[in-house]
């Protein structure tokens, strides 16, 4: 069984790269936001606004459990907050080939812009929030990653090839 799990901060390209890798491999793609919406009964922005960050992390953990319970092969984007939980990091390491799509704060800020409607947790200064997230989460992404792909200036097609080439035989 092969399961490819994409981790990285908001804006790193988990959905874009994940869907392209899945298409290239002929595997199903599971988007973290779609799985979370099914488990939580609402989208992540609404969940955050109505119940707070802890509820979002809880829903992200539930979504991860669902993804890891599905037999492979498959490609899945993994919600950014699951790496904050030690048990989830362990499950990720055991759950498949983990690829960290690593991006700088500047790249992430440019990609997400000032999208506080679908990403209210970014607040009034998305660049500062993303920078803080990277400081907190990059060591955790590194801890779970089997493969690291820098995505700042690399075209999506090249990122896809790098991810596919890095899969275990």
N, C-alpha and C. Protein backbone atom coordinates (compact mmCIF):
# COMPACT_ATOMS: atom_id res chain seq x y z
N UNK A 1 0.84 -1.18 0.00
CA UNK A 1 0.00 0.00 0.00
C UNK A 1 0.89 1.24 0.00
N UNK A 2 0.55 2.19 -0.81
CA UNK A 2 1.27 3.46 -0.84
C UNK A 2 0.29 4.58 -0.56
N UNK A 3 0.68 5.42 0.35
CA UNK A 3 -0.12 6.59 0.67
C UNK A 3 0.84 7.77 0.67
N UNK A 4 0.53 8.79 -0.12
CA UNK A 4 1.35 9.99 -0.19
C UNK A 4 0.63 11.09 0.57
N UNK A 5 1.29 11.64 1.57
CA UNK A 5 0.71 12.66 2.44
C UNK A 5 1.50 13.95 2.29
N UNK A 6 0.82 15.01 1.88
CA UNK A 6 1.47 16.31 1.67
C UNK A 6 1.22 17.22 2.85
N UNK A 7 2.30 17.70 3.45
CA UNK A 7 2.20 18.64 4.56
C UNK A 7 2.86 19.95 4.16
N UNK A 8 2.50 21.00 4.88
CA UNK A 8 3.07 22.31 4.63
C UNK A 8 2.10 23.36 5.12
N UNK A 9 2.58 24.57 5.20
CA UNK A 9 1.79 25.68 5.71
C UNK A 9 0.73 26.11 4.70
N UNK A 10 -0.25 26.86 5.16
CA UNK A 10 -1.26 27.45 4.31
C UNK A 10 -0.59 28.18 3.15
N UNK A 11 -0.98 27.84 1.92
CA UNK A 11 -0.41 28.48 0.74
C UNK A 11 0.76 27.76 0.13
N UNK A 12 1.16 26.63 0.70
CA UNK A 12 2.32 25.91 0.17
C UNK A 12 2.01 25.12 -1.09
N UNK A 13 0.74 24.93 -1.40
CA UNK A 13 0.37 24.23 -2.62
C UNK A 13 -0.05 22.79 -2.44
N UNK A 14 -0.44 22.42 -1.23
CA UNK A 14 -0.83 21.03 -0.97
C UNK A 14 -1.95 20.57 -1.90
N UNK A 15 -2.96 21.39 -2.09
CA UNK A 15 -4.09 21.01 -2.95
C UNK A 15 -3.69 21.00 -4.41
N UNK A 16 -3.01 22.03 -4.86
CA UNK A 16 -2.60 22.12 -6.26
C UNK A 16 -1.65 20.98 -6.63
N UNK A 17 -0.62 20.80 -5.83
CA UNK A 17 0.36 19.74 -6.09
C UNK A 17 -0.28 18.37 -5.90
N UNK A 18 -1.06 18.23 -4.85
CA UNK A 18 -1.69 16.93 -4.57
C UNK A 18 -2.59 16.46 -5.69
N UNK A 19 -3.42 17.34 -6.20
CA UNK A 19 -4.33 16.93 -7.28
C UNK A 19 -3.55 16.62 -8.55
N UNK A 20 -2.47 17.36 -8.82
CA UNK A 20 -1.65 17.08 -10.00
C UNK A 20 -0.87 15.77 -9.87
N UNK A 21 -0.33 15.50 -8.69
CA UNK A 21 0.38 14.24 -8.46
C UNK A 21 -0.59 13.07 -8.59
N UNK A 22 -1.77 13.20 -7.99
CA UNK A 22 -2.77 12.13 -8.07
C UNK A 22 -3.15 11.86 -9.53
N UNK A 23 -3.34 12.91 -10.31
CA UNK A 23 -3.68 12.73 -11.73
C UNK A 23 -2.55 12.01 -12.46
N UNK A 24 -1.32 12.40 -12.17
CA UNK A 24 -0.16 11.78 -12.83
C UNK A 24 -0.04 10.30 -12.48
N UNK A 25 -0.32 9.96 -11.22
CA UNK A 25 -0.20 8.58 -10.76
C UNK A 25 -1.45 7.74 -11.03
N UNK A 26 -2.57 8.42 -11.31
CA UNK A 26 -3.84 7.71 -11.46
C UNK A 26 -4.40 7.25 -10.13
N UNK A 27 -4.06 7.97 -9.07
CA UNK A 27 -4.52 7.65 -7.72
C UNK A 27 -5.61 8.66 -7.33
N UNK A 28 -6.48 8.29 -6.39
CA UNK A 28 -7.44 9.27 -5.88
C UNK A 28 -6.73 10.35 -5.06
N UNK A 29 -7.35 11.53 -5.04
CA UNK A 29 -6.84 12.64 -4.23
C UNK A 29 -7.87 13.01 -3.19
N UNK A 30 -7.42 13.12 -1.94
CA UNK A 30 -8.28 13.56 -0.84
C UNK A 30 -7.78 14.92 -0.37
N UNK A 31 -8.62 15.92 -0.50
CA UNK A 31 -8.28 17.27 -0.07
C UNK A 31 -8.64 17.45 1.39
N UNK A 32 -7.71 17.96 2.17
CA UNK A 32 -7.92 18.12 3.61
C UNK A 32 -9.14 18.96 3.93
N UNK A 33 -9.36 20.03 3.18
CA UNK A 33 -10.52 20.90 3.46
C UNK A 33 -11.83 20.15 3.21
N UNK A 34 -11.88 19.36 2.14
CA UNK A 34 -13.11 18.62 1.84
C UNK A 34 -13.38 17.55 2.89
N UNK A 35 -12.35 16.84 3.32
CA UNK A 35 -12.53 15.81 4.36
C UNK A 35 -12.94 16.47 5.67
N UNK A 36 -12.30 17.60 6.00
CA UNK A 36 -12.64 18.31 7.23
C UNK A 36 -14.09 18.78 7.20
N UNK A 37 -14.53 19.31 6.07
CA UNK A 37 -15.92 19.78 5.97
C UNK A 37 -16.89 18.64 6.21
N UNK A 38 -16.58 17.46 5.66
CA UNK A 38 -17.47 16.30 5.86
C UNK A 38 -17.50 15.87 7.33
N UNK A 39 -16.35 15.91 7.99
CA UNK A 39 -16.31 15.46 9.38
C UNK A 39 -16.89 16.49 10.34
N UNK A 40 -16.64 17.77 10.07
CA UNK A 40 -17.10 18.83 10.97
C UNK A 40 -18.50 19.32 10.64
N UNK A 41 -18.96 19.05 9.44
CA UNK A 41 -20.28 19.51 9.04
C UNK A 41 -20.32 20.97 8.61
N UNK A 42 -19.14 21.59 8.50
CA UNK A 42 -19.05 22.98 8.06
C UNK A 42 -17.65 23.23 7.53
N UNK A 43 -17.46 24.36 6.88
CA UNK A 43 -16.12 24.68 6.38
C UNK A 43 -15.24 25.17 7.52
N UNK A 44 -13.94 25.14 7.28
CA UNK A 44 -12.98 25.45 8.33
C UNK A 44 -13.10 26.90 8.81
N UNK A 45 -13.40 27.84 7.92
CA UNK A 45 -13.53 29.24 8.33
C UNK A 45 -14.69 29.42 9.29
N UNK A 46 -15.82 28.82 8.98
CA UNK A 46 -16.98 28.92 9.86
C UNK A 46 -16.71 28.24 11.20
N UNK A 47 -16.09 27.08 11.15
CA UNK A 47 -15.74 26.37 12.38
C UNK A 47 -14.84 27.23 13.25
N UNK A 48 -13.84 27.86 12.65
CA UNK A 48 -12.92 28.73 13.39
C UNK A 48 -13.67 29.91 14.03
N UNK A 49 -14.52 30.55 13.25
CA UNK A 49 -15.23 31.73 13.75
C UNK A 49 -16.24 31.37 14.83
N UNK A 50 -16.89 30.22 14.71
CA UNK A 50 -17.93 29.84 15.67
C UNK A 50 -17.39 29.13 16.90
N UNK A 51 -16.31 28.33 16.74
CA UNK A 51 -15.86 27.50 17.85
C UNK A 51 -14.39 27.68 18.24
N UNK A 52 -13.62 28.37 17.39
CA UNK A 52 -12.24 28.66 17.74
C UNK A 52 -11.22 27.69 17.19
N UNK A 53 -9.97 28.04 17.44
CA UNK A 53 -8.83 27.30 16.89
C UNK A 53 -8.78 25.85 17.40
N UNK A 54 -9.12 25.62 18.66
CA UNK A 54 -9.07 24.26 19.20
C UNK A 54 -10.02 23.33 18.47
N UNK A 55 -11.20 23.84 18.12
CA UNK A 55 -12.17 23.04 17.37
C UNK A 55 -11.64 22.71 15.97
N UNK A 56 -10.92 23.65 15.39
CA UNK A 56 -10.34 23.41 14.07
C UNK A 56 -9.30 22.30 14.16
N UNK A 57 -8.42 22.37 15.14
CA UNK A 57 -7.39 21.33 15.29
C UNK A 57 -8.05 19.97 15.54
N UNK A 58 -9.09 19.94 16.36
CA UNK A 58 -9.81 18.69 16.61
C UNK A 58 -10.40 18.12 15.31
N UNK A 59 -10.97 18.99 14.50
CA UNK A 59 -11.53 18.55 13.21
C UNK A 59 -10.43 18.10 12.26
N UNK A 60 -9.27 18.78 12.31
CA UNK A 60 -8.14 18.37 11.47
C UNK A 60 -7.64 16.99 11.87
N UNK A 61 -7.61 16.71 13.16
CA UNK A 61 -7.20 15.39 13.64
C UNK A 61 -8.19 14.32 13.17
N UNK A 62 -9.48 14.61 13.25
CA UNK A 62 -10.49 13.67 12.76
C UNK A 62 -10.32 13.41 11.26
N UNK A 63 -10.05 14.47 10.50
CA UNK A 63 -9.85 14.31 9.06
C UNK A 63 -8.61 13.45 8.78
N UNK A 64 -7.55 13.66 9.54
CA UNK A 64 -6.34 12.83 9.38
C UNK A 64 -6.66 11.37 9.67
N UNK A 65 -7.40 11.12 10.73
CA UNK A 65 -7.76 9.73 11.07
C UNK A 65 -8.54 9.06 9.94
N UNK A 66 -9.42 9.82 9.31
CA UNK A 66 -10.19 9.27 8.18
C UNK A 66 -9.25 8.94 7.02
N UNK A 67 -8.39 9.88 6.68
CA UNK A 67 -7.45 9.67 5.57
C UNK A 67 -6.57 8.45 5.83
N UNK A 68 -6.06 8.33 7.04
CA UNK A 68 -5.17 7.21 7.36
C UNK A 68 -5.91 5.89 7.45
N UNK A 69 -7.22 5.94 7.56
CA UNK A 69 -8.02 4.71 7.59
C UNK A 69 -8.41 4.19 6.22
N UNK A 70 -8.14 4.98 5.18
CA UNK A 70 -8.49 4.58 3.82
C UNK A 70 -7.30 3.85 3.22
N UNK A 71 -7.54 2.65 2.69
CA UNK A 71 -6.41 1.93 2.08
C UNK A 71 -5.91 2.65 0.82
N UNK A 72 -4.62 2.58 0.60
CA UNK A 72 -4.02 3.22 -0.57
C UNK A 72 -4.10 2.33 -1.77
N UNK A 73 -3.59 2.79 -2.88
CA UNK A 73 -2.83 4.02 -3.01
C UNK A 73 -3.73 5.24 -3.06
N UNK A 74 -3.20 6.35 -2.53
CA UNK A 74 -3.92 7.62 -2.57
C UNK A 74 -2.95 8.75 -2.29
N UNK A 75 -3.37 9.94 -2.66
CA UNK A 75 -2.64 11.17 -2.36
C UNK A 75 -3.57 12.01 -1.50
N UNK A 76 -3.04 12.56 -0.41
CA UNK A 76 -3.87 13.39 0.46
C UNK A 76 -3.11 14.62 0.91
N UNK A 77 -3.79 15.76 0.89
CA UNK A 77 -3.24 16.94 1.54
C UNK A 77 -3.62 16.84 3.01
N UNK A 78 -2.72 17.22 3.87
CA UNK A 78 -2.92 17.09 5.31
C UNK A 78 -3.06 18.49 5.90
N UNK A 79 -4.05 18.69 6.73
CA UNK A 79 -4.29 19.99 7.36
C UNK A 79 -3.07 20.44 8.13
N UNK A 80 -2.82 21.73 8.09
CA UNK A 80 -1.58 22.29 8.64
C UNK A 80 -1.43 22.10 10.14
N UNK A 81 -2.54 22.07 10.88
CA UNK A 81 -2.46 22.02 12.34
C UNK A 81 -2.18 20.67 12.94
N UNK A 82 -2.28 19.59 12.18
CA UNK A 82 -2.10 18.27 12.78
C UNK A 82 -0.68 18.05 13.29
N UNK A 83 0.30 18.75 12.73
CA UNK A 83 1.67 18.56 13.20
C UNK A 83 1.89 19.10 14.61
N UNK A 84 0.94 19.87 15.11
CA UNK A 84 1.06 20.43 16.46
C UNK A 84 0.85 19.37 17.53
N UNK A 85 0.29 18.22 17.16
CA UNK A 85 -0.01 17.15 18.10
C UNK A 85 0.99 16.01 17.92
N UNK A 86 1.69 15.65 19.00
CA UNK A 86 2.73 14.60 18.92
C UNK A 86 2.16 13.29 18.39
N UNK A 87 0.98 12.91 18.83
CA UNK A 87 0.38 11.65 18.38
C UNK A 87 0.12 11.68 16.88
N UNK A 88 -0.29 12.82 16.37
CA UNK A 88 -0.53 12.95 14.92
C UNK A 88 0.77 12.89 14.14
N UNK A 89 1.81 13.48 14.68
CA UNK A 89 3.11 13.40 14.00
C UNK A 89 3.55 11.95 13.90
N UNK A 90 3.35 11.20 14.93
CA UNK A 90 3.71 9.77 14.91
C UNK A 90 2.87 9.03 13.88
N UNK A 91 1.58 9.31 13.86
CA UNK A 91 0.68 8.66 12.89
C UNK A 91 1.07 9.03 11.45
N UNK A 92 1.45 10.28 11.23
CA UNK A 92 1.90 10.69 9.90
C UNK A 92 3.13 9.90 9.47
N UNK A 93 4.11 9.81 10.37
CA UNK A 93 5.35 9.09 10.04
C UNK A 93 5.07 7.64 9.67
N UNK A 94 4.09 7.05 10.32
CA UNK A 94 3.74 5.65 10.06
C UNK A 94 2.72 5.48 8.94
N UNK A 95 2.07 6.58 8.54
CA UNK A 95 0.92 6.49 7.65
C UNK A 95 1.18 6.53 6.17
N UNK A 96 2.41 6.82 5.77
CA UNK A 96 2.69 6.90 4.35
C UNK A 96 3.96 7.68 4.09
N UNK A 97 4.18 7.98 2.83
CA UNK A 97 5.33 8.78 2.41
C UNK A 97 4.93 10.24 2.58
N UNK A 98 5.59 10.93 3.51
CA UNK A 98 5.23 12.31 3.84
C UNK A 98 6.15 13.28 3.10
N UNK A 99 5.53 14.17 2.34
CA UNK A 99 6.28 15.19 1.61
C UNK A 99 5.93 16.56 2.19
N UNK A 100 6.97 17.27 2.61
CA UNK A 100 6.80 18.63 3.11
C UNK A 100 7.02 19.58 1.94
N UNK A 101 5.99 20.32 1.58
CA UNK A 101 6.09 21.38 0.58
C UNK A 101 6.51 22.63 1.33
N UNK A 102 7.81 22.92 1.29
CA UNK A 102 8.39 23.99 2.10
C UNK A 102 8.40 25.29 1.31
N UNK A 103 7.90 26.34 1.93
CA UNK A 103 7.85 27.67 1.30
C UNK A 103 8.24 28.72 2.33
N UNK A 104 8.75 29.82 1.83
CA UNK A 104 9.10 30.95 2.71
C UNK A 104 7.84 31.72 3.08
N UNK A 105 7.95 32.51 4.12
CA UNK A 105 6.82 33.33 4.56
C UNK A 105 6.40 34.30 3.45
N UNK A 106 7.37 34.84 2.72
CA UNK A 106 7.05 35.77 1.64
C UNK A 106 6.23 35.11 0.54
N UNK A 107 6.61 33.90 0.18
CA UNK A 107 5.86 33.16 -0.85
C UNK A 107 4.45 32.87 -0.37
N UNK A 108 4.33 32.40 0.86
CA UNK A 108 3.02 32.07 1.41
C UNK A 108 2.14 33.31 1.46
N UNK A 109 2.68 34.41 1.94
CA UNK A 109 1.91 35.65 2.05
C UNK A 109 1.44 36.12 0.67
N UNK A 110 2.31 36.01 -0.32
CA UNK A 110 1.94 36.41 -1.68
C UNK A 110 0.83 35.51 -2.21
N UNK A 111 0.91 34.22 -1.93
CA UNK A 111 -0.09 33.28 -2.45
C UNK A 111 -1.45 33.43 -1.79
N UNK A 112 -1.48 33.65 -0.50
CA UNK A 112 -2.77 33.74 0.18
C UNK A 112 -3.31 35.16 0.22
N UNK A 113 -2.42 36.14 -0.03
CA UNK A 113 -2.87 37.52 -0.04
C UNK A 113 -3.44 37.93 1.31
N UNK A 114 -4.51 38.66 1.25
CA UNK A 114 -5.17 39.09 2.48
C UNK A 114 -6.51 38.38 2.62
N UNK A 115 -6.52 37.10 2.28
CA UNK A 115 -7.74 36.29 2.28
C UNK A 115 -8.15 35.95 3.71
N UNK A 116 -8.82 36.89 4.37
CA UNK A 116 -9.27 36.62 5.73
C UNK A 116 -10.70 36.10 5.76
N UNK A 117 -11.33 36.01 4.58
CA UNK A 117 -12.69 35.44 4.53
C UNK A 117 -12.63 33.93 4.68
N UNK A 118 -11.82 33.27 3.86
CA UNK A 118 -11.72 31.82 3.97
C UNK A 118 -10.62 31.39 4.94
N UNK A 119 -9.80 32.35 5.39
CA UNK A 119 -8.72 32.06 6.34
C UNK A 119 -8.71 33.11 7.45
N UNK A 120 -9.75 33.14 8.25
CA UNK A 120 -9.84 34.21 9.27
C UNK A 120 -8.74 34.14 10.32
N UNK A 121 -8.12 33.00 10.51
CA UNK A 121 -7.05 32.85 11.49
C UNK A 121 -5.80 33.64 11.11
N UNK A 122 -5.74 34.13 9.86
CA UNK A 122 -4.58 34.91 9.44
C UNK A 122 -4.62 36.32 10.01
N UNK A 123 -5.80 36.76 10.46
CA UNK A 123 -5.93 38.06 11.12
C UNK A 123 -5.65 39.24 10.22
N UNK A 124 -5.31 40.36 10.84
CA UNK A 124 -5.09 41.62 10.12
C UNK A 124 -3.75 41.68 9.40
N UNK A 125 -2.82 40.81 9.79
CA UNK A 125 -1.48 40.82 9.19
C UNK A 125 -1.10 39.39 8.79
N UNK A 126 -1.63 38.90 7.66
CA UNK A 126 -1.36 37.52 7.24
C UNK A 126 0.13 37.19 7.16
N UNK A 127 0.94 38.13 6.68
CA UNK A 127 2.38 37.86 6.55
C UNK A 127 3.01 37.57 7.91
N UNK A 128 2.65 38.34 8.92
CA UNK A 128 3.20 38.12 10.26
C UNK A 128 2.69 36.81 10.85
N UNK A 129 1.42 36.51 10.63
CA UNK A 129 0.85 35.25 11.14
C UNK A 129 1.53 34.07 10.48
N UNK A 130 1.70 34.12 9.16
CA UNK A 130 2.35 33.02 8.44
C UNK A 130 3.80 32.86 8.88
N UNK A 131 4.47 33.95 9.13
CA UNK A 131 5.85 33.89 9.62
C UNK A 131 5.90 33.20 10.98
N UNK A 132 4.95 33.54 11.85
CA UNK A 132 4.87 32.90 13.17
C UNK A 132 4.58 31.40 13.02
N UNK A 133 3.64 31.05 12.13
CA UNK A 133 3.31 29.64 11.88
C UNK A 133 4.56 28.88 11.44
N UNK A 134 5.32 29.46 10.52
CA UNK A 134 6.52 28.78 10.02
C UNK A 134 7.53 28.56 11.15
N UNK A 135 7.71 29.59 11.97
CA UNK A 135 8.65 29.46 13.09
C UNK A 135 8.25 28.31 14.01
N UNK A 136 6.96 28.19 14.24
CA UNK A 136 6.43 27.17 15.14
C UNK A 136 6.39 25.80 14.49
N UNK A 137 6.01 25.73 13.21
CA UNK A 137 5.70 24.44 12.58
C UNK A 137 6.81 23.85 11.73
N UNK A 138 7.72 24.66 11.21
CA UNK A 138 8.75 24.10 10.34
C UNK A 138 9.53 22.96 10.99
N UNK A 139 9.93 23.08 12.27
CA UNK A 139 10.64 21.95 12.88
C UNK A 139 9.75 20.69 12.96
N UNK A 140 8.45 20.89 13.08
CA UNK A 140 7.53 19.75 13.17
C UNK A 140 7.31 19.11 11.79
N UNK A 141 7.23 19.95 10.75
CA UNK A 141 7.15 19.40 9.39
C UNK A 141 8.42 18.60 9.09
N UNK A 142 9.57 19.14 9.48
CA UNK A 142 10.84 18.46 9.25
C UNK A 142 10.87 17.11 9.96
N UNK A 143 10.28 17.06 11.13
CA UNK A 143 10.25 15.83 11.93
C UNK A 143 9.49 14.70 11.24
N UNK A 144 8.43 15.03 10.50
CA UNK A 144 7.60 13.99 9.89
C UNK A 144 7.94 13.71 8.43
N UNK A 145 8.71 14.59 7.80
CA UNK A 145 8.92 14.51 6.35
C UNK A 145 9.89 13.41 5.95
N UNK A 146 9.46 12.62 4.97
CA UNK A 146 10.36 11.69 4.29
C UNK A 146 11.08 12.40 3.14
N UNK A 147 10.46 13.45 2.66
CA UNK A 147 10.96 14.19 1.50
C UNK A 147 10.59 15.66 1.70
N UNK A 148 11.52 16.55 1.36
CA UNK A 148 11.27 17.98 1.44
C UNK A 148 11.42 18.55 0.04
N UNK A 149 10.40 19.30 -0.39
CA UNK A 149 10.44 19.93 -1.71
C UNK A 149 10.23 21.43 -1.51
N UNK A 150 11.23 22.21 -1.89
CA UNK A 150 11.11 23.66 -1.80
C UNK A 150 10.28 24.15 -2.97
N UNK A 151 9.28 24.97 -2.68
CA UNK A 151 8.30 25.37 -3.69
C UNK A 151 8.27 26.87 -3.98
N UNK A 152 9.22 27.61 -3.44
CA UNK A 152 9.20 29.07 -3.61
C UNK A 152 9.23 29.51 -5.06
N UNK A 153 10.17 29.03 -5.83
CA UNK A 153 10.35 29.51 -7.20
C UNK A 153 10.27 28.38 -8.23
N UNK A 154 9.79 27.24 -7.81
CA UNK A 154 9.75 26.07 -8.67
C UNK A 154 8.36 25.94 -9.29
N UNK A 155 8.28 25.79 -10.61
CA UNK A 155 6.97 25.61 -11.24
C UNK A 155 6.28 24.34 -10.74
N UNK A 156 4.95 24.36 -10.72
CA UNK A 156 4.17 23.23 -10.20
C UNK A 156 4.55 21.92 -10.89
N UNK A 157 4.71 21.94 -12.20
CA UNK A 157 5.06 20.72 -12.92
C UNK A 157 6.35 20.10 -12.43
N UNK A 158 7.33 20.94 -12.12
CA UNK A 158 8.60 20.44 -11.61
C UNK A 158 8.43 19.90 -10.18
N UNK A 159 7.63 20.57 -9.38
CA UNK A 159 7.36 20.08 -8.02
C UNK A 159 6.70 18.70 -8.11
N UNK A 160 5.74 18.54 -9.00
CA UNK A 160 5.05 17.26 -9.18
C UNK A 160 6.05 16.18 -9.55
N UNK A 161 6.92 16.45 -10.51
CA UNK A 161 7.93 15.46 -10.92
C UNK A 161 8.84 15.09 -9.76
N UNK A 162 9.25 16.08 -8.99
CA UNK A 162 10.13 15.83 -7.84
C UNK A 162 9.44 14.95 -6.81
N UNK A 163 8.17 15.23 -6.53
CA UNK A 163 7.41 14.42 -5.57
C UNK A 163 7.28 12.99 -6.08
N UNK A 164 6.89 12.82 -7.31
CA UNK A 164 6.71 11.48 -7.88
C UNK A 164 8.03 10.72 -7.91
N UNK A 165 9.10 11.39 -8.31
CA UNK A 165 10.43 10.74 -8.35
C UNK A 165 10.90 10.33 -6.96
N UNK A 166 10.43 11.02 -5.92
CA UNK A 166 10.83 10.71 -4.56
C UNK A 166 10.04 9.61 -3.88
N UNK A 167 9.01 9.10 -4.56
CA UNK A 167 8.23 8.02 -3.96
C UNK A 167 9.05 6.75 -3.85
N UNK A 168 8.85 5.99 -2.77
CA UNK A 168 9.58 4.73 -2.65
C UNK A 168 9.15 3.77 -3.76
N UNK A 169 10.10 2.95 -4.18
CA UNK A 169 9.80 1.98 -5.26
C UNK A 169 8.80 0.94 -4.83
